[in-house]
Amino acid sequence: MRSLIEGVVYVTIIRQVSHLLGIAGASGNFFFPKPWHTLQHSTAVSAAPVIIGILSLREGLRPACQTTSSPFVA
């Protein structure tokens, strides 16, 4: 079950990288053409989507990185 979840995570990340960089997505349903398309068109990266994407990832991961006190800790 763990490998299925990891595979879904990898496919989701690969699909979203081009959107995060502001590059028009690659066609096809296979795993390898999408990162290859992103690498080929890396000169077309737009600054605004990259900045917004990085800031949103940073803000989204902030709660996961903070430590919280637990009522079970003595």
Protein backbone atom coordinates (compact mmCIF):
# COMPACT_ATOMS: atom_id res chain seq x y z
CA MET A 1 0.00 0.00 0.00
CA ARG A 2 2.89 2.34 0.77
CA SER A 3 4.29 2.10 -2.78
CA LEU A 4 0.90 2.93 -4.26
CA ILE A 5 0.66 6.10 -2.17
CA GLU A 6 4.26 7.06 -3.02
CA GLY A 7 3.53 6.56 -6.72
CA VAL A 8 0.46 8.78 -6.51
CA VAL A 9 2.52 11.45 -4.74
CA TYR A 10 5.25 11.33 -7.41
CA VAL A 11 2.76 11.58 -10.27
CA THR A 12 0.97 14.49 -8.57
CA ILE A 13 4.24 16.35 -8.02
CA ILE A 14 5.35 15.83 -11.62
CA ARG A 15 2.00 17.10 -12.89
CA GLN A 16 2.13 20.23 -10.73
CA VAL A 17 5.74 21.32 -11.36
CA SER A 18 4.95 22.82 -14.77
CA HIS A 19 2.03 24.75 -13.27
CA LEU A 20 4.21 25.96 -10.41
CA LEU A 21 6.74 27.29 -12.93
CA GLY A 22 4.13 28.83 -15.22
CA ILE A 23 4.90 26.53 -18.16
CA ALA A 24 2.09 25.19 -20.34
CA GLY A 25 1.67 21.51 -19.49
CA ALA A 26 2.89 18.63 -21.59
CA SER A 27 0.47 16.43 -23.46
CA GLY A 28 0.19 12.72 -22.81
CA ASN A 29 -0.66 10.50 -19.90
CA PHE A 30 2.76 9.02 -19.24
CA PHE A 31 5.13 9.88 -16.42
CA PHE A 32 8.36 10.71 -18.29
CA PRO A 33 7.18 13.12 -21.05
CA LYS A 34 5.94 15.66 -18.50
CA PRO A 35 9.27 16.32 -16.71
CA TRP A 36 11.06 16.18 -20.07
CA HIS A 37 8.70 18.84 -21.45
CA THR A 38 9.28 20.97 -18.34
CA LEU A 39 13.06 20.72 -18.75
CA GLN A 40 12.88 21.58 -22.46
CA HIS A 41 10.78 24.67 -21.78
CA SER A 42 12.58 25.81 -18.65
CA THR A 43 13.53 29.07 -20.40
CA ALA A 44 9.82 29.99 -20.50
CA VAL A 45 9.54 30.14 -16.71
CA SER A 46 7.49 33.08 -15.49
CA ALA A 47 8.63 34.82 -12.31
CA ALA A 48 5.17 35.56 -10.85
CA PRO A 49 3.90 31.94 -10.66
CA VAL A 50 7.22 30.80 -9.20
CA ILE A 51 7.15 33.42 -6.45
CA ILE A 52 3.48 32.79 -5.64
CA GLY A 53 4.01 29.02 -5.69
CA ILE A 54 7.03 29.14 -3.38
CA LEU A 55 5.28 31.47 -0.96
CA SER A 56 2.16 29.31 -0.88
CA LEU A 57 4.21 26.16 -0.29
CA ARG A 58 6.10 27.94 2.46
CA GLU A 59 2.90 29.09 4.16
CA GLY A 60 1.20 25.73 3.65
CA LEU A 61 4.06 23.81 5.24
CA ARG A 62 4.55 26.20 8.14
CA PRO A 63 1.90 24.58 10.42
CA ALA A 64 3.46 21.15 9.81
CA CYS A 65 6.88 22.42 10.88
CA GLN A 66 5.79 24.13 14.07
CA THR A 67 5.79 22.19 17.28
CA THR A 68 2.61 22.13 19.29
CA SER A 69 2.15 21.25 22.92
CA SER A 70 0.27 18.08 23.57
CA PRO A 71 -2.12 17.58 26.51
CA PHE A 72 -0.53 14.15 27.01
CA VAL A 73 2.94 15.51 27.73
CA ALA A 74 3.64 15.79 31.44
